[in-house]
N, C-alpha and C. Protein backbone atom coordinates (compact mmCIF):
# COMPACT_ATOMS: atom_id res chain seq x y z
N MET A 1 4.56 -41.84 -0.77
CA MET A 1 5.50 -41.33 -1.77
C MET A 1 6.87 -41.94 -1.52
N PRO A 2 7.67 -42.02 -2.56
CA PRO A 2 9.00 -42.63 -2.42
C PRO A 2 9.93 -41.75 -1.58
N ALA A 3 10.93 -42.37 -1.00
CA ALA A 3 11.94 -41.63 -0.25
C ALA A 3 12.59 -40.59 -1.15
N GLY A 4 12.86 -39.43 -0.60
CA GLY A 4 13.49 -38.37 -1.36
C GLY A 4 12.52 -37.43 -2.05
N PHE A 5 11.24 -37.80 -2.12
CA PHE A 5 10.26 -36.90 -2.74
C PHE A 5 10.07 -35.69 -1.83
N ALA A 6 10.06 -34.50 -2.40
CA ALA A 6 9.85 -33.27 -1.64
C ALA A 6 8.99 -32.31 -2.46
N PHE A 7 8.25 -31.48 -1.76
CA PHE A 7 7.42 -30.47 -2.42
C PHE A 7 7.18 -29.32 -1.45
N GLN A 8 6.61 -28.24 -1.95
CA GLN A 8 6.21 -27.10 -1.13
C GLN A 8 4.70 -27.00 -1.14
N ALA A 9 4.14 -26.50 -0.03
CA ALA A 9 2.70 -26.27 0.01
C ALA A 9 2.30 -25.41 -1.18
N GLY A 10 1.22 -25.83 -1.85
CA GLY A 10 0.73 -25.11 -3.02
C GLY A 10 1.11 -25.76 -4.34
N GLN A 11 1.99 -26.74 -4.32
CA GLN A 11 2.39 -27.38 -5.56
C GLN A 11 1.45 -28.52 -5.94
N TYR A 12 1.67 -29.07 -7.13
CA TYR A 12 0.85 -30.17 -7.63
C TYR A 12 1.77 -31.28 -8.12
N ILE A 13 1.18 -32.45 -8.32
CA ILE A 13 1.88 -33.56 -8.97
C ILE A 13 1.07 -33.95 -10.19
N GLU A 14 1.63 -34.79 -11.01
CA GLU A 14 0.91 -35.34 -12.15
C GLU A 14 0.94 -36.86 -12.05
N ILE A 15 -0.21 -37.47 -12.26
CA ILE A 15 -0.28 -38.91 -12.37
C ILE A 15 0.08 -39.26 -13.81
N VAL A 16 1.08 -40.08 -13.99
CA VAL A 16 1.58 -40.41 -15.32
C VAL A 16 0.63 -41.39 -16.01
N HIS A 17 0.24 -41.02 -17.23
CA HIS A 17 -0.65 -41.86 -18.04
C HIS A 17 -0.18 -41.75 -19.49
N PRO A 18 -0.16 -42.85 -20.23
CA PRO A 18 0.34 -42.81 -21.61
C PRO A 18 -0.43 -41.87 -22.53
N GLU A 19 -1.67 -41.59 -22.23
CA GLU A 19 -2.47 -40.69 -23.08
C GLU A 19 -2.41 -39.24 -22.61
N GLY A 20 -1.65 -38.97 -21.60
CA GLY A 20 -1.51 -37.62 -21.07
C GLY A 20 -1.57 -37.62 -19.55
N ASN A 21 -0.65 -36.92 -18.94
CA ASN A 21 -0.60 -36.87 -17.49
C ASN A 21 -1.81 -36.15 -16.91
N ILE A 22 -2.12 -36.50 -15.66
CA ILE A 22 -3.30 -35.97 -14.98
C ILE A 22 -2.83 -35.14 -13.78
N PRO A 23 -2.98 -33.81 -13.83
CA PRO A 23 -2.51 -32.98 -12.72
C PRO A 23 -3.47 -33.04 -11.52
N LEU A 24 -2.88 -33.13 -10.33
CA LEU A 24 -3.65 -33.13 -9.08
C LEU A 24 -2.94 -32.23 -8.07
N SER A 25 -3.67 -31.29 -7.49
CA SER A 25 -3.09 -30.45 -6.46
C SER A 25 -2.86 -31.26 -5.19
N VAL A 26 -1.75 -31.01 -4.54
CA VAL A 26 -1.46 -31.66 -3.27
C VAL A 26 -2.21 -30.90 -2.18
N ALA A 27 -2.96 -31.62 -1.36
CA ALA A 27 -3.78 -30.99 -0.32
C ALA A 27 -3.15 -31.09 1.06
N SER A 28 -2.03 -31.75 1.18
CA SER A 28 -1.37 -31.88 2.47
C SER A 28 -0.11 -31.04 2.51
N ALA A 29 0.42 -30.88 3.70
CA ALA A 29 1.65 -30.12 3.89
C ALA A 29 2.86 -31.04 3.74
N PRO A 30 4.01 -30.48 3.40
CA PRO A 30 5.21 -31.29 3.24
C PRO A 30 5.58 -32.11 4.49
N TRP A 31 5.26 -31.61 5.67
CA TRP A 31 5.64 -32.33 6.89
C TRP A 31 4.90 -33.66 7.04
N ARG A 32 3.87 -33.89 6.24
CA ARG A 32 3.12 -35.15 6.33
C ARG A 32 3.73 -36.29 5.50
N LEU A 33 4.75 -35.99 4.71
CA LEU A 33 5.39 -37.04 3.92
C LEU A 33 5.89 -38.16 4.82
N PRO A 34 5.82 -39.41 4.42
CA PRO A 34 5.64 -39.89 3.05
C PRO A 34 4.18 -39.97 2.61
N ALA A 35 3.22 -39.64 3.48
CA ALA A 35 1.81 -39.62 3.06
C ALA A 35 1.57 -38.37 2.21
N LEU A 36 0.68 -38.49 1.27
CA LEU A 36 0.32 -37.38 0.39
C LEU A 36 -1.19 -37.37 0.24
N HIS A 37 -1.81 -36.24 0.52
CA HIS A 37 -3.26 -36.11 0.45
C HIS A 37 -3.60 -35.39 -0.85
N LEU A 38 -4.40 -36.04 -1.69
CA LEU A 38 -4.82 -35.49 -2.98
C LEU A 38 -6.34 -35.46 -3.04
N HIS A 39 -6.89 -34.53 -3.79
CA HIS A 39 -8.33 -34.49 -4.03
C HIS A 39 -8.57 -34.84 -5.49
N TYR A 40 -9.60 -35.61 -5.72
CA TYR A 40 -9.95 -35.97 -7.09
C TYR A 40 -11.47 -36.05 -7.20
N ARG A 41 -12.00 -35.48 -8.25
CA ARG A 41 -13.44 -35.55 -8.50
C ARG A 41 -13.65 -36.11 -9.90
N SER A 42 -14.31 -37.25 -9.98
CA SER A 42 -14.61 -37.85 -11.26
C SER A 42 -15.68 -37.02 -11.96
N THR A 43 -15.35 -36.54 -13.14
CA THR A 43 -16.26 -35.68 -13.89
C THR A 43 -16.55 -36.32 -15.25
N PRO A 44 -17.78 -36.80 -15.46
CA PRO A 44 -18.12 -37.43 -16.75
C PRO A 44 -17.85 -36.48 -17.92
N GLY A 45 -17.26 -37.06 -18.97
CA GLY A 45 -16.99 -36.29 -20.17
C GLY A 45 -15.65 -35.58 -20.18
N LEU A 46 -14.95 -35.56 -19.08
CA LEU A 46 -13.64 -34.92 -19.00
C LEU A 46 -12.57 -36.00 -19.23
N ALA A 47 -11.74 -35.82 -20.25
CA ALA A 47 -10.77 -36.84 -20.63
C ALA A 47 -9.84 -37.23 -19.48
N GLU A 48 -9.33 -36.23 -18.76
CA GLU A 48 -8.43 -36.54 -17.63
C GLU A 48 -9.14 -37.38 -16.58
N ALA A 49 -10.41 -37.07 -16.32
CA ALA A 49 -11.18 -37.82 -15.32
C ALA A 49 -11.40 -39.26 -15.78
N GLU A 50 -11.68 -39.45 -17.06
CA GLU A 50 -11.88 -40.80 -17.57
C GLU A 50 -10.60 -41.62 -17.44
N ARG A 51 -9.44 -40.98 -17.73
CA ARG A 51 -8.16 -41.68 -17.58
C ARG A 51 -7.89 -42.01 -16.11
N MET A 52 -8.18 -41.07 -15.22
CA MET A 52 -7.95 -41.30 -13.79
C MET A 52 -8.89 -42.37 -13.26
N ASP A 53 -10.15 -42.34 -13.68
CA ASP A 53 -11.11 -43.38 -13.26
C ASP A 53 -10.60 -44.76 -13.65
N ALA A 54 -10.08 -44.89 -14.88
CA ALA A 54 -9.56 -46.17 -15.34
C ALA A 54 -8.36 -46.61 -14.51
N LEU A 55 -7.47 -45.68 -14.19
CA LEU A 55 -6.32 -46.01 -13.36
C LEU A 55 -6.75 -46.48 -11.97
N LEU A 56 -7.68 -45.75 -11.38
CA LEU A 56 -8.13 -46.10 -10.03
C LEU A 56 -8.85 -47.44 -10.00
N ALA A 57 -9.50 -47.78 -11.10
CA ALA A 57 -10.23 -49.05 -11.16
C ALA A 57 -9.31 -50.25 -11.37
N GLY A 58 -8.17 -50.04 -12.05
CA GLY A 58 -7.39 -51.21 -12.41
C GLY A 58 -5.92 -51.21 -12.05
N ALA A 59 -5.35 -50.09 -11.69
CA ALA A 59 -3.91 -50.05 -11.42
C ALA A 59 -3.61 -50.47 -9.98
N ASP A 60 -2.52 -51.20 -9.81
CA ASP A 60 -2.13 -51.56 -8.45
C ASP A 60 -1.18 -50.53 -7.85
N HIS A 61 -0.67 -49.61 -8.68
CA HIS A 61 0.12 -48.48 -8.19
C HIS A 61 0.03 -47.35 -9.22
N LEU A 62 0.38 -46.16 -8.79
CA LEU A 62 0.36 -45.00 -9.67
C LEU A 62 1.78 -44.43 -9.76
N THR A 63 2.16 -44.00 -10.93
CA THR A 63 3.44 -43.34 -11.12
C THR A 63 3.19 -41.84 -11.17
N VAL A 64 4.00 -41.08 -10.44
CA VAL A 64 3.80 -39.64 -10.38
C VAL A 64 5.00 -38.90 -10.94
N ALA A 65 4.74 -37.71 -11.44
CA ALA A 65 5.77 -36.79 -11.89
C ALA A 65 5.60 -35.49 -11.12
N GLY A 66 6.68 -34.79 -10.93
CA GLY A 66 6.59 -33.52 -10.22
C GLY A 66 7.42 -33.54 -8.97
N PRO A 67 7.23 -32.56 -8.17
CA PRO A 67 6.14 -31.60 -8.15
C PRO A 67 6.33 -30.47 -9.16
N GLY A 68 5.25 -29.73 -9.37
CA GLY A 68 5.28 -28.59 -10.26
C GLY A 68 4.52 -27.44 -9.65
N GLY A 69 4.64 -26.29 -10.27
CA GLY A 69 3.91 -25.10 -9.82
C GLY A 69 4.77 -24.21 -8.95
N ASP A 70 4.50 -22.92 -9.05
CA ASP A 70 5.30 -21.96 -8.26
C ASP A 70 4.45 -21.07 -7.36
N VAL A 71 3.23 -21.51 -7.04
CA VAL A 71 2.38 -20.77 -6.10
C VAL A 71 2.84 -21.13 -4.69
N SER A 72 3.17 -20.14 -3.88
CA SER A 72 3.63 -20.45 -2.54
C SER A 72 3.32 -19.32 -1.56
N LEU A 73 3.26 -19.69 -0.30
CA LEU A 73 3.16 -18.76 0.82
C LEU A 73 4.21 -19.21 1.83
N SER A 74 5.34 -18.59 1.79
CA SER A 74 6.44 -19.04 2.64
C SER A 74 6.32 -18.49 4.04
N PRO A 75 6.44 -19.40 5.04
CA PRO A 75 6.46 -18.92 6.42
C PRO A 75 7.80 -18.24 6.69
N PRO A 76 7.91 -17.30 7.58
CA PRO A 76 6.77 -16.80 8.34
C PRO A 76 5.97 -15.80 7.52
N LEU A 77 4.67 -15.92 7.60
CA LEU A 77 3.77 -15.00 6.92
C LEU A 77 3.64 -13.76 7.80
N THR A 78 4.06 -12.62 7.29
CA THR A 78 4.09 -11.40 8.12
C THR A 78 2.96 -10.43 7.78
N HIS A 79 2.24 -10.67 6.68
CA HIS A 79 1.13 -9.82 6.29
C HIS A 79 -0.10 -10.69 6.07
N PRO A 80 -1.29 -10.14 6.26
CA PRO A 80 -2.51 -10.93 6.02
C PRO A 80 -2.51 -11.51 4.60
N ALA A 81 -3.07 -12.70 4.48
CA ALA A 81 -3.15 -13.36 3.18
C ALA A 81 -4.60 -13.68 2.85
N LEU A 82 -4.93 -13.57 1.59
CA LEU A 82 -6.25 -13.93 1.08
C LEU A 82 -6.05 -15.07 0.09
N ILE A 83 -6.68 -16.21 0.37
CA ILE A 83 -6.62 -17.36 -0.53
C ILE A 83 -8.03 -17.57 -1.07
N VAL A 84 -8.17 -17.57 -2.39
CA VAL A 84 -9.46 -17.78 -3.03
C VAL A 84 -9.39 -19.10 -3.80
N ALA A 85 -10.36 -19.98 -3.54
CA ALA A 85 -10.38 -21.29 -4.18
C ALA A 85 -11.75 -21.54 -4.78
N GLY A 86 -11.77 -22.21 -5.92
CA GLY A 86 -13.02 -22.60 -6.56
C GLY A 86 -13.08 -24.11 -6.68
N GLY A 87 -14.19 -24.70 -6.26
CA GLY A 87 -14.40 -26.14 -6.40
C GLY A 87 -13.30 -26.96 -5.77
N THR A 88 -12.72 -27.89 -6.57
CA THR A 88 -11.66 -28.74 -6.05
C THR A 88 -10.34 -27.99 -5.90
N GLY A 89 -10.32 -26.73 -6.30
CA GLY A 89 -9.15 -25.89 -6.06
C GLY A 89 -8.88 -25.70 -4.57
N ILE A 90 -9.82 -26.14 -3.75
CA ILE A 90 -9.63 -26.08 -2.31
C ILE A 90 -8.44 -26.95 -1.89
N ALA A 91 -8.07 -27.93 -2.70
CA ALA A 91 -6.94 -28.81 -2.36
C ALA A 91 -5.67 -27.99 -2.17
N GLN A 92 -5.38 -27.11 -3.10
CA GLN A 92 -4.18 -26.28 -3.00
C GLN A 92 -4.25 -25.40 -1.76
N ALA A 93 -5.42 -24.82 -1.50
CA ALA A 93 -5.59 -23.98 -0.31
C ALA A 93 -5.41 -24.80 0.96
N GLU A 94 -5.92 -26.04 0.95
CA GLU A 94 -5.79 -26.90 2.12
C GLU A 94 -4.32 -27.20 2.41
N SER A 95 -3.50 -27.29 1.39
CA SER A 95 -2.07 -27.52 1.58
C SER A 95 -1.45 -26.37 2.38
N PHE A 96 -1.82 -25.15 2.05
CA PHE A 96 -1.32 -23.99 2.81
C PHE A 96 -1.81 -24.03 4.26
N VAL A 97 -3.10 -24.27 4.43
CA VAL A 97 -3.67 -24.31 5.78
C VAL A 97 -3.00 -25.40 6.61
N ASP A 98 -2.82 -26.57 6.01
CA ASP A 98 -2.17 -27.68 6.71
C ASP A 98 -0.74 -27.31 7.09
N ALA A 99 -0.01 -26.66 6.20
CA ALA A 99 1.37 -26.25 6.50
C ALA A 99 1.38 -25.25 7.66
N PHE A 100 0.43 -24.34 7.66
CA PHE A 100 0.39 -23.33 8.72
C PHE A 100 -0.06 -23.89 10.07
N THR A 101 -0.68 -25.06 10.09
CA THR A 101 -1.04 -25.64 11.39
C THR A 101 0.21 -26.09 12.13
N ARG A 102 1.26 -26.40 11.40
CA ARG A 102 2.53 -26.82 12.00
C ARG A 102 3.41 -25.61 12.32
N GLN A 103 3.37 -24.59 11.46
CA GLN A 103 4.11 -23.36 11.64
C GLN A 103 3.13 -22.20 11.51
N PRO A 104 2.43 -21.85 12.59
CA PRO A 104 1.39 -20.82 12.49
C PRO A 104 1.92 -19.51 11.91
N PRO A 105 1.11 -18.92 11.03
CA PRO A 105 1.53 -17.66 10.41
C PRO A 105 1.48 -16.52 11.43
N GLY A 106 2.19 -15.46 11.13
CA GLY A 106 2.19 -14.29 11.99
C GLY A 106 1.11 -13.30 11.60
N ALA A 107 0.18 -13.72 10.75
CA ALA A 107 -0.89 -12.84 10.29
C ALA A 107 -2.13 -13.68 9.98
N THR A 108 -3.25 -13.01 9.81
CA THR A 108 -4.51 -13.68 9.51
C THR A 108 -4.52 -14.20 8.08
N VAL A 109 -5.05 -15.41 7.92
CA VAL A 109 -5.26 -15.99 6.60
C VAL A 109 -6.77 -16.09 6.39
N THR A 110 -7.26 -15.45 5.33
CA THR A 110 -8.67 -15.53 4.99
C THR A 110 -8.81 -16.46 3.79
N LEU A 111 -9.65 -17.46 3.96
CA LEU A 111 -9.87 -18.44 2.90
C LEU A 111 -11.30 -18.30 2.38
N VAL A 112 -11.41 -17.96 1.09
CA VAL A 112 -12.70 -17.84 0.42
C VAL A 112 -12.83 -19.03 -0.52
N TRP A 113 -13.88 -19.83 -0.32
CA TRP A 113 -14.09 -21.01 -1.14
C TRP A 113 -15.42 -20.86 -1.86
N CYS A 114 -15.38 -20.89 -3.19
CA CYS A 114 -16.58 -20.72 -4.02
C CYS A 114 -16.89 -22.03 -4.74
N ALA A 115 -18.18 -22.29 -4.92
CA ALA A 115 -18.61 -23.47 -5.65
C ALA A 115 -19.97 -23.21 -6.27
N ASP A 116 -20.31 -24.00 -7.28
CA ASP A 116 -21.59 -23.83 -7.97
C ASP A 116 -22.78 -24.30 -7.13
N ARG A 117 -22.57 -25.37 -6.36
CA ARG A 117 -23.66 -25.95 -5.58
C ARG A 117 -23.22 -26.21 -4.15
N GLU A 118 -24.15 -26.23 -3.24
CA GLU A 118 -23.86 -26.50 -1.84
C GLU A 118 -23.13 -27.84 -1.67
N ALA A 119 -23.52 -28.84 -2.45
CA ALA A 119 -22.92 -30.17 -2.35
C ALA A 119 -21.43 -30.15 -2.73
N ASP A 120 -20.99 -29.14 -3.46
CA ASP A 120 -19.59 -29.05 -3.88
C ASP A 120 -18.65 -28.60 -2.75
N PHE A 121 -19.20 -28.17 -1.63
CA PHE A 121 -18.38 -27.79 -0.48
C PHE A 121 -18.09 -29.04 0.37
N TYR A 122 -17.46 -30.02 -0.23
CA TYR A 122 -17.27 -31.33 0.38
C TYR A 122 -16.29 -31.32 1.55
N LEU A 123 -15.52 -30.27 1.71
CA LEU A 123 -14.50 -30.22 2.75
C LEU A 123 -14.85 -29.21 3.85
N ALA A 124 -16.01 -28.63 3.78
CA ALA A 124 -16.37 -27.54 4.70
C ALA A 124 -16.27 -27.93 6.17
N ALA A 125 -16.82 -29.07 6.54
CA ALA A 125 -16.81 -29.47 7.95
C ALA A 125 -15.38 -29.67 8.45
N GLU A 126 -14.54 -30.27 7.63
CA GLU A 126 -13.14 -30.49 8.02
C GLU A 126 -12.42 -29.17 8.25
N LEU A 127 -12.62 -28.21 7.37
CA LEU A 127 -11.99 -26.90 7.52
C LEU A 127 -12.53 -26.17 8.74
N GLU A 128 -13.83 -26.23 8.95
CA GLU A 128 -14.42 -25.55 10.10
C GLU A 128 -13.96 -26.16 11.42
N ASP A 129 -13.69 -27.45 11.44
CA ASP A 129 -13.20 -28.11 12.65
C ASP A 129 -11.80 -27.65 13.03
N LEU A 130 -11.02 -27.19 12.07
CA LEU A 130 -9.67 -26.71 12.37
C LEU A 130 -9.71 -25.51 13.31
N SER A 131 -10.42 -24.49 12.91
CA SER A 131 -10.63 -23.27 13.67
C SER A 131 -9.43 -22.69 14.40
N PRO A 132 -8.25 -22.64 13.77
CA PRO A 132 -7.14 -21.97 14.45
C PRO A 132 -7.44 -20.47 14.50
N PRO A 133 -6.87 -19.76 15.43
CA PRO A 133 -7.18 -18.33 15.58
C PRO A 133 -6.74 -17.47 14.40
N TRP A 134 -5.81 -17.95 13.60
CA TRP A 134 -5.29 -17.16 12.49
C TRP A 134 -6.08 -17.39 11.19
N LEU A 135 -7.03 -18.36 11.18
CA LEU A 135 -7.77 -18.69 9.95
C LEU A 135 -9.19 -18.16 9.99
N ARG A 136 -9.56 -17.45 8.94
CA ARG A 136 -10.93 -16.94 8.79
C ARG A 136 -11.51 -17.57 7.52
N LEU A 137 -12.59 -18.32 7.68
CA LEU A 137 -13.25 -18.97 6.54
C LEU A 137 -14.43 -18.15 6.07
N VAL A 138 -14.50 -17.93 4.76
CA VAL A 138 -15.60 -17.16 4.19
C VAL A 138 -16.25 -17.97 3.09
């Protein structure tokens, strides 16, 4: 990301495209900048996915807008938190978890991740490897 870019855990960016911007949740914590971790799943028949596929196949760089969104969990976390994510929505949850690995919360964080198929839990092993004492995966 360019110098001066800033965001909070839980926010998203948009990949700029002339036919409509493509929103992507940021999966990394702000302390990892200038690197930015994003999740993307190509979904046939979805216009945003078709635009993103074309960009990834032919663009030498991507232009981003944002950040956007007002979902946040500000440290220090003093009460237990429940984060529920569906499918690729795990990206936003991962941003919180990543942020808390640098500044551990003062309470338990329970992360519930739901998906239609077992294969959709593409990040399960990575999350389970974290295993901080404050994180409970369900």
